[in-house]
N, C-alpha and C. Protein backbone atom coordinates (compact mmCIF):
# COMPACT_ATOMS: atom_id res chain seq x y z
N UNK A 1 -50.57 -66.56 -18.14
CA UNK A 1 -49.12 -66.58 -18.16
C UNK A 1 -48.64 -67.05 -19.53
N UNK A 2 -47.63 -66.35 -20.04
CA UNK A 2 -47.10 -66.65 -21.36
C UNK A 2 -46.01 -67.71 -21.23
N UNK A 3 -46.24 -68.89 -21.80
CA UNK A 3 -45.28 -69.99 -21.73
C UNK A 3 -44.37 -70.05 -22.94
N UNK A 4 -44.47 -69.07 -23.84
CA UNK A 4 -43.61 -69.06 -25.01
C UNK A 4 -42.16 -68.86 -24.58
N UNK A 5 -41.27 -69.48 -25.33
CA UNK A 5 -39.85 -69.30 -25.08
C UNK A 5 -39.42 -67.92 -25.56
N UNK A 6 -38.28 -67.49 -25.05
CA UNK A 6 -37.72 -66.21 -25.45
C UNK A 6 -37.53 -66.18 -26.96
N UNK A 7 -37.93 -65.08 -27.55
CA UNK A 7 -37.78 -64.92 -29.00
C UNK A 7 -37.21 -63.54 -29.26
N UNK A 8 -36.04 -63.52 -29.89
CA UNK A 8 -35.42 -62.24 -30.21
C UNK A 8 -36.29 -61.42 -31.16
N UNK A 9 -36.93 -62.08 -32.11
CA UNK A 9 -37.78 -61.35 -33.06
C UNK A 9 -38.99 -60.71 -32.36
N UNK A 10 -39.53 -61.40 -31.35
CA UNK A 10 -40.65 -60.81 -30.59
C UNK A 10 -40.18 -59.61 -29.78
N UNK A 11 -38.96 -59.68 -29.25
CA UNK A 11 -38.41 -58.54 -28.50
C UNK A 11 -38.23 -57.35 -29.43
N UNK A 12 -37.72 -57.59 -30.63
CA UNK A 12 -37.56 -56.51 -31.61
C UNK A 12 -38.90 -55.90 -31.97
N UNK A 13 -39.92 -56.75 -32.11
CA UNK A 13 -41.26 -56.27 -32.43
C UNK A 13 -41.79 -55.36 -31.32
N UNK A 14 -41.48 -55.70 -30.07
CA UNK A 14 -41.94 -54.87 -28.95
C UNK A 14 -41.30 -53.48 -29.00
N UNK A 15 -40.05 -53.41 -29.49
CA UNK A 15 -39.42 -52.10 -29.66
C UNK A 15 -40.14 -51.29 -30.74
N UNK A 16 -40.59 -51.97 -31.79
CA UNK A 16 -41.34 -51.28 -32.84
C UNK A 16 -42.61 -50.66 -32.27
N UNK A 17 -43.29 -51.39 -31.39
CA UNK A 17 -44.50 -50.84 -30.76
C UNK A 17 -44.17 -49.61 -29.93
N UNK A 18 -43.07 -49.66 -29.21
CA UNK A 18 -42.67 -48.53 -28.38
C UNK A 18 -42.32 -47.31 -29.22
N UNK A 19 -41.56 -47.53 -30.32
CA UNK A 19 -41.24 -46.42 -31.21
C UNK A 19 -42.51 -45.85 -31.84
N UNK A 20 -43.46 -46.72 -32.15
CA UNK A 20 -44.74 -46.25 -32.69
C UNK A 20 -45.46 -45.36 -31.68
N UNK A 21 -45.40 -45.73 -30.41
CA UNK A 21 -46.00 -44.90 -29.37
C UNK A 21 -45.37 -43.51 -29.31
N UNK A 22 -44.05 -43.45 -29.47
CA UNK A 22 -43.38 -42.14 -29.50
C UNK A 22 -43.81 -41.34 -30.72
N UNK A 23 -43.92 -42.00 -31.86
CA UNK A 23 -44.38 -41.31 -33.07
C UNK A 23 -45.80 -40.77 -32.88
N UNK A 24 -46.66 -41.59 -32.30
CA UNK A 24 -48.04 -41.16 -32.04
C UNK A 24 -48.04 -39.93 -31.14
N UNK A 25 -47.24 -39.99 -30.08
CA UNK A 25 -47.19 -38.86 -29.15
C UNK A 25 -46.79 -37.58 -29.88
N UNK A 26 -45.72 -37.64 -30.66
CA UNK A 26 -45.24 -36.42 -31.32
C UNK A 26 -46.17 -35.97 -32.45
N UNK A 27 -46.85 -36.90 -33.10
CA UNK A 27 -47.73 -36.54 -34.20
C UNK A 27 -49.08 -36.02 -33.71
N UNK A 28 -49.62 -36.62 -32.66
CA UNK A 28 -50.99 -36.34 -32.27
C UNK A 28 -51.15 -35.50 -31.01
N UNK A 29 -50.15 -35.46 -30.18
CA UNK A 29 -50.27 -34.73 -28.92
C UNK A 29 -49.54 -33.39 -29.04
N UNK A 30 -50.32 -32.32 -29.14
CA UNK A 30 -49.76 -31.00 -29.40
C UNK A 30 -48.78 -30.55 -28.32
N UNK A 31 -49.10 -30.80 -27.06
CA UNK A 31 -48.21 -30.38 -25.98
C UNK A 31 -46.87 -31.09 -26.03
N UNK A 32 -46.84 -32.31 -26.55
CA UNK A 32 -45.57 -33.02 -26.63
C UNK A 32 -44.63 -32.33 -27.62
N UNK A 33 -45.18 -31.68 -28.62
CA UNK A 33 -44.34 -30.93 -29.57
C UNK A 33 -43.71 -29.72 -28.88
N UNK A 34 -44.46 -29.11 -27.99
CA UNK A 34 -43.90 -27.99 -27.21
C UNK A 34 -42.78 -28.51 -26.33
N UNK A 35 -43.03 -29.62 -25.64
CA UNK A 35 -42.00 -30.20 -24.77
C UNK A 35 -40.77 -30.60 -25.60
N UNK A 36 -40.99 -31.16 -26.77
CA UNK A 36 -39.88 -31.57 -27.63
C UNK A 36 -39.07 -30.35 -28.07
N UNK A 37 -39.74 -29.29 -28.46
CA UNK A 37 -39.05 -28.06 -28.87
C UNK A 37 -38.20 -27.50 -27.74
N UNK A 38 -38.77 -27.49 -26.54
CA UNK A 38 -38.03 -27.00 -25.38
C UNK A 38 -36.84 -27.92 -25.08
N UNK A 39 -37.02 -29.23 -25.25
CA UNK A 39 -35.93 -30.17 -25.03
C UNK A 39 -34.80 -29.93 -26.03
N UNK A 40 -35.14 -29.68 -27.28
CA UNK A 40 -34.12 -29.39 -28.29
C UNK A 40 -33.38 -28.10 -27.94
N UNK A 41 -34.12 -27.06 -27.59
CA UNK A 41 -33.51 -25.79 -27.20
C UNK A 41 -32.60 -25.96 -25.99
N UNK A 42 -33.08 -26.71 -25.01
CA UNK A 42 -32.28 -26.96 -23.80
C UNK A 42 -31.01 -27.72 -24.14
N UNK A 43 -31.10 -28.67 -25.04
CA UNK A 43 -29.92 -29.43 -25.45
C UNK A 43 -28.91 -28.52 -26.15
N UNK A 44 -29.40 -27.66 -27.02
CA UNK A 44 -28.51 -26.71 -27.71
C UNK A 44 -27.83 -25.80 -26.69
N UNK A 45 -28.61 -25.27 -25.75
CA UNK A 45 -28.05 -24.41 -24.70
C UNK A 45 -27.05 -25.18 -23.85
N UNK A 46 -27.36 -26.45 -23.55
CA UNK A 46 -26.47 -27.27 -22.75
C UNK A 46 -25.11 -27.42 -23.40
N UNK A 47 -25.11 -27.68 -24.71
CA UNK A 47 -23.84 -27.78 -25.43
C UNK A 47 -23.15 -26.43 -25.50
N UNK A 48 -23.93 -25.37 -25.69
CA UNK A 48 -23.36 -24.03 -25.80
C UNK A 48 -22.67 -23.59 -24.50
N UNK A 49 -23.28 -23.93 -23.38
CA UNK A 49 -22.73 -23.53 -22.09
C UNK A 49 -21.81 -24.58 -21.48
N UNK A 50 -21.63 -25.69 -22.14
CA UNK A 50 -20.70 -26.70 -21.66
C UNK A 50 -21.10 -27.31 -20.33
N UNK A 51 -22.32 -27.83 -20.26
CA UNK A 51 -22.78 -28.45 -19.02
C UNK A 51 -21.84 -29.58 -18.62
N UNK A 52 -21.66 -29.73 -17.31
CA UNK A 52 -20.85 -30.85 -16.84
C UNK A 52 -21.71 -32.11 -16.77
N UNK A 53 -21.09 -33.21 -16.45
CA UNK A 53 -21.78 -34.51 -16.44
C UNK A 53 -23.01 -34.51 -15.55
N UNK A 54 -22.90 -33.93 -14.36
CA UNK A 54 -24.01 -33.96 -13.41
C UNK A 54 -25.15 -33.05 -13.86
N UNK A 55 -24.81 -31.94 -14.48
CA UNK A 55 -25.86 -31.07 -15.02
C UNK A 55 -26.59 -31.77 -16.16
N UNK A 56 -25.84 -32.48 -17.02
CA UNK A 56 -26.49 -33.24 -18.10
C UNK A 56 -27.40 -34.33 -17.53
N UNK A 57 -26.94 -35.00 -16.48
CA UNK A 57 -27.78 -36.03 -15.87
C UNK A 57 -29.10 -35.43 -15.41
N UNK A 58 -29.04 -34.28 -14.75
CA UNK A 58 -30.27 -33.62 -14.27
C UNK A 58 -31.16 -33.20 -15.43
N UNK A 59 -30.56 -32.62 -16.47
CA UNK A 59 -31.33 -32.15 -17.62
C UNK A 59 -31.99 -33.32 -18.34
N UNK A 60 -31.22 -34.36 -18.61
CA UNK A 60 -31.77 -35.53 -19.33
C UNK A 60 -32.84 -36.21 -18.50
N UNK A 61 -32.62 -36.33 -17.20
CA UNK A 61 -33.63 -36.93 -16.33
C UNK A 61 -34.93 -36.13 -16.37
N UNK A 62 -34.82 -34.81 -16.31
CA UNK A 62 -36.02 -33.97 -16.35
C UNK A 62 -36.74 -34.07 -17.68
N UNK A 63 -35.99 -34.09 -18.78
CA UNK A 63 -36.63 -34.25 -20.09
C UNK A 63 -37.37 -35.58 -20.15
N UNK A 64 -36.72 -36.63 -19.70
CA UNK A 64 -37.36 -37.94 -19.70
C UNK A 64 -38.60 -37.96 -18.84
N UNK A 65 -38.53 -37.34 -17.67
CA UNK A 65 -39.67 -37.29 -16.76
C UNK A 65 -40.87 -36.61 -17.42
N UNK A 66 -40.63 -35.50 -18.07
CA UNK A 66 -41.73 -34.78 -18.74
C UNK A 66 -42.35 -35.64 -19.83
N UNK A 67 -41.50 -36.27 -20.66
CA UNK A 67 -42.04 -37.11 -21.74
C UNK A 67 -42.77 -38.34 -21.21
N UNK A 68 -42.25 -38.93 -20.15
CA UNK A 68 -42.93 -40.09 -19.55
C UNK A 68 -44.30 -39.68 -19.02
N UNK A 69 -44.36 -38.56 -18.33
CA UNK A 69 -45.66 -38.09 -17.83
C UNK A 69 -46.61 -37.77 -18.98
N UNK A 70 -46.08 -37.17 -20.04
CA UNK A 70 -46.92 -36.86 -21.21
C UNK A 70 -47.45 -38.14 -21.85
N UNK A 71 -46.62 -39.17 -21.94
CA UNK A 71 -47.07 -40.44 -22.51
C UNK A 71 -48.16 -41.08 -21.65
N UNK A 72 -47.96 -41.12 -20.34
CA UNK A 72 -49.00 -41.69 -19.48
C UNK A 72 -50.28 -40.87 -19.53
N UNK A 73 -50.15 -39.55 -19.57
CA UNK A 73 -51.32 -38.70 -19.67
C UNK A 73 -52.08 -38.98 -20.96
N UNK A 74 -51.36 -39.07 -22.06
CA UNK A 74 -52.00 -39.34 -23.35
C UNK A 74 -52.66 -40.71 -23.36
N UNK A 75 -51.98 -41.70 -22.80
CA UNK A 75 -52.55 -43.05 -22.75
C UNK A 75 -53.82 -43.08 -21.91
N UNK A 76 -53.79 -42.42 -20.74
CA UNK A 76 -54.98 -42.40 -19.89
C UNK A 76 -56.12 -41.64 -20.56
N UNK A 77 -55.82 -40.55 -21.22
CA UNK A 77 -56.86 -39.80 -21.93
C UNK A 77 -57.50 -40.66 -23.02
N UNK A 78 -56.68 -41.37 -23.77
CA UNK A 78 -57.21 -42.24 -24.82
C UNK A 78 -58.08 -43.34 -24.23
N UNK A 79 -57.64 -43.92 -23.14
CA UNK A 79 -58.41 -44.98 -22.49
C UNK A 79 -59.73 -44.45 -21.95
N UNK A 80 -59.69 -43.29 -21.31
CA UNK A 80 -60.92 -42.70 -20.77
C UNK A 80 -61.89 -42.38 -21.91
N UNK A 81 -61.38 -41.83 -23.00
CA UNK A 81 -62.25 -41.51 -24.14
C UNK A 81 -62.85 -42.77 -24.76
N UNK A 82 -62.09 -43.87 -24.73
CA UNK A 82 -62.59 -45.14 -25.25
C UNK A 82 -63.69 -45.71 -24.34
N UNK A 83 -63.48 -45.60 -23.04
CA UNK A 83 -64.42 -46.17 -22.06
C UNK A 83 -65.76 -45.47 -22.12
N UNK A 84 -65.73 -44.15 -22.26
CA UNK A 84 -66.99 -43.42 -22.24
C UNK A 84 -66.86 -42.10 -22.98
N UNK A 85 -67.84 -41.85 -23.83
CA UNK A 85 -67.89 -40.55 -24.51
C UNK A 85 -68.64 -39.53 -23.67
N UNK A 86 -69.36 -40.00 -22.66
CA UNK A 86 -70.11 -39.11 -21.78
C UNK A 86 -69.17 -38.44 -20.79
N UNK A 87 -69.55 -37.24 -20.38
CA UNK A 87 -68.79 -36.55 -19.35
C UNK A 87 -69.19 -37.13 -18.00
N UNK A 88 -68.21 -37.68 -17.32
CA UNK A 88 -68.45 -38.26 -16.01
C UNK A 88 -67.43 -37.69 -15.04
N UNK A 89 -67.87 -37.30 -13.84
CA UNK A 89 -66.97 -36.67 -12.87
C UNK A 89 -65.73 -37.52 -12.54
N UNK A 90 -65.88 -38.81 -12.39
CA UNK A 90 -64.74 -39.65 -12.04
C UNK A 90 -63.73 -39.73 -13.18
N UNK A 91 -64.24 -39.81 -14.42
CA UNK A 91 -63.34 -39.85 -15.57
C UNK A 91 -62.64 -38.51 -15.77
N UNK A 92 -63.34 -37.42 -15.49
CA UNK A 92 -62.72 -36.09 -15.55
C UNK A 92 -61.61 -36.00 -14.52
N UNK A 93 -61.85 -36.56 -13.36
CA UNK A 93 -60.84 -36.56 -12.30
C UNK A 93 -59.57 -37.30 -12.75
N UNK A 94 -59.76 -38.45 -13.40
CA UNK A 94 -58.61 -39.23 -13.90
C UNK A 94 -57.81 -38.38 -14.90
N UNK A 95 -58.51 -37.75 -15.84
CA UNK A 95 -57.82 -36.91 -16.83
C UNK A 95 -57.10 -35.74 -16.17
N UNK A 96 -57.77 -35.09 -15.22
CA UNK A 96 -57.17 -33.94 -14.55
C UNK A 96 -55.94 -34.33 -13.75
N UNK A 97 -55.99 -35.47 -13.08
CA UNK A 97 -54.84 -35.93 -12.30
C UNK A 97 -53.66 -36.26 -13.22
N UNK A 98 -53.94 -36.88 -14.35
CA UNK A 98 -52.87 -37.20 -15.29
C UNK A 98 -52.27 -35.92 -15.88
N UNK A 99 -53.11 -34.95 -16.18
CA UNK A 99 -52.62 -33.66 -16.69
C UNK A 99 -51.79 -32.94 -15.63
N UNK A 100 -52.18 -33.07 -14.38
CA UNK A 100 -51.43 -32.45 -13.29
C UNK A 100 -50.03 -33.05 -13.17
N UNK A 101 -49.91 -34.35 -13.46
CA UNK A 101 -48.59 -34.99 -13.43
C UNK A 101 -47.67 -34.37 -14.48
N UNK A 102 -48.21 -34.10 -15.66
CA UNK A 102 -47.42 -33.47 -16.72
C UNK A 102 -47.02 -32.06 -16.28
N UNK A 103 -47.98 -31.32 -15.74
CA UNK A 103 -47.70 -29.97 -15.29
C UNK A 103 -46.62 -29.96 -14.21
N UNK A 104 -46.75 -30.83 -13.24
CA UNK A 104 -45.77 -30.87 -12.15
C UNK A 104 -44.39 -31.26 -12.67
N UNK A 105 -44.33 -32.20 -13.59
CA UNK A 105 -43.03 -32.59 -14.15
C UNK A 105 -42.43 -31.43 -14.94
N UNK A 106 -43.24 -30.69 -15.67
CA UNK A 106 -42.73 -29.56 -16.45
C UNK A 106 -42.25 -28.44 -15.53
N UNK A 107 -42.97 -28.19 -14.45
CA UNK A 107 -42.54 -27.18 -13.48
C UNK A 107 -41.22 -27.60 -12.84
N UNK A 108 -41.11 -28.87 -12.49
CA UNK A 108 -39.87 -29.39 -11.91
C UNK A 108 -38.71 -29.22 -12.89
N UNK A 109 -38.93 -29.57 -14.15
CA UNK A 109 -37.89 -29.43 -15.16
C UNK A 109 -37.50 -27.96 -15.33
N UNK A 110 -38.48 -27.08 -15.29
CA UNK A 110 -38.21 -25.65 -15.43
C UNK A 110 -37.34 -25.15 -14.27
N UNK A 111 -37.67 -25.56 -13.06
CA UNK A 111 -36.89 -25.14 -11.89
C UNK A 111 -35.46 -25.68 -11.96
N UNK A 112 -35.32 -26.95 -12.33
CA UNK A 112 -33.99 -27.52 -12.49
C UNK A 112 -33.22 -26.75 -13.57
N UNK A 113 -33.89 -26.43 -14.66
CA UNK A 113 -33.26 -25.64 -15.72
C UNK A 113 -32.80 -24.29 -15.23
N UNK A 114 -33.63 -23.63 -14.43
CA UNK A 114 -33.23 -22.34 -13.87
C UNK A 114 -31.99 -22.49 -12.98
N UNK A 115 -31.99 -23.51 -12.14
CA UNK A 115 -30.86 -23.73 -11.24
C UNK A 115 -29.56 -24.00 -11.99
N UNK A 116 -29.67 -24.64 -13.14
CA UNK A 116 -28.48 -24.95 -13.93
C UNK A 116 -28.07 -23.79 -14.83
N UNK A 117 -29.02 -23.15 -15.49
CA UNK A 117 -28.67 -22.18 -16.52
C UNK A 117 -28.52 -20.74 -16.03
N UNK A 118 -29.20 -20.35 -14.95
CA UNK A 118 -29.06 -18.96 -14.48
C UNK A 118 -27.61 -18.64 -14.10
N UNK A 119 -26.92 -19.50 -13.33
CA UNK A 119 -25.50 -19.18 -13.05
C UNK A 119 -24.65 -19.10 -14.32
N UNK A 120 -24.95 -19.91 -15.30
CA UNK A 120 -24.19 -19.88 -16.55
C UNK A 120 -24.49 -18.62 -17.34
N UNK A 121 -25.75 -18.19 -17.31
CA UNK A 121 -26.12 -16.95 -17.99
C UNK A 121 -25.51 -15.73 -17.30
N UNK A 122 -25.44 -15.80 -15.97
CA UNK A 122 -24.89 -14.64 -15.24
C UNK A 122 -23.41 -14.44 -15.54
N UNK A 123 -22.67 -15.52 -15.79
CA UNK A 123 -21.26 -15.36 -16.16
C UNK A 123 -21.11 -14.97 -17.63
N UNK A 124 -22.15 -15.23 -18.42
CA UNK A 124 -22.13 -14.89 -19.84
C UNK A 124 -22.28 -13.38 -20.02
N UNK A 125 -23.11 -12.76 -19.17
CA UNK A 125 -23.37 -11.32 -19.29
C UNK A 125 -22.44 -10.60 -18.40
């Protein structure tokens, strides 16, 4: 248990670690760049089609969900690779389950995107 008193400078330092984690994700994890590109495109489309508050909430929540899953997947993969360089069935299972979380979150985001943008596209054409 940490008995140190609250320190504003330590809290700021913890934010630096978190921002570093985001930088690592975008620099080293190729799939996160794809997710980021899609998030930027979705944001541009959202502004173009004038999403309402509730549509923005759904879109932002889905983007966050995908990035959170990607971060946990990347962290678990790094931990598994650190624990063992050998191929082990249980460690493969951990990696596959984490990857499935990313896939499921991306599919969910895609479906939400379809539900929001298809009606807007249909009125556009």
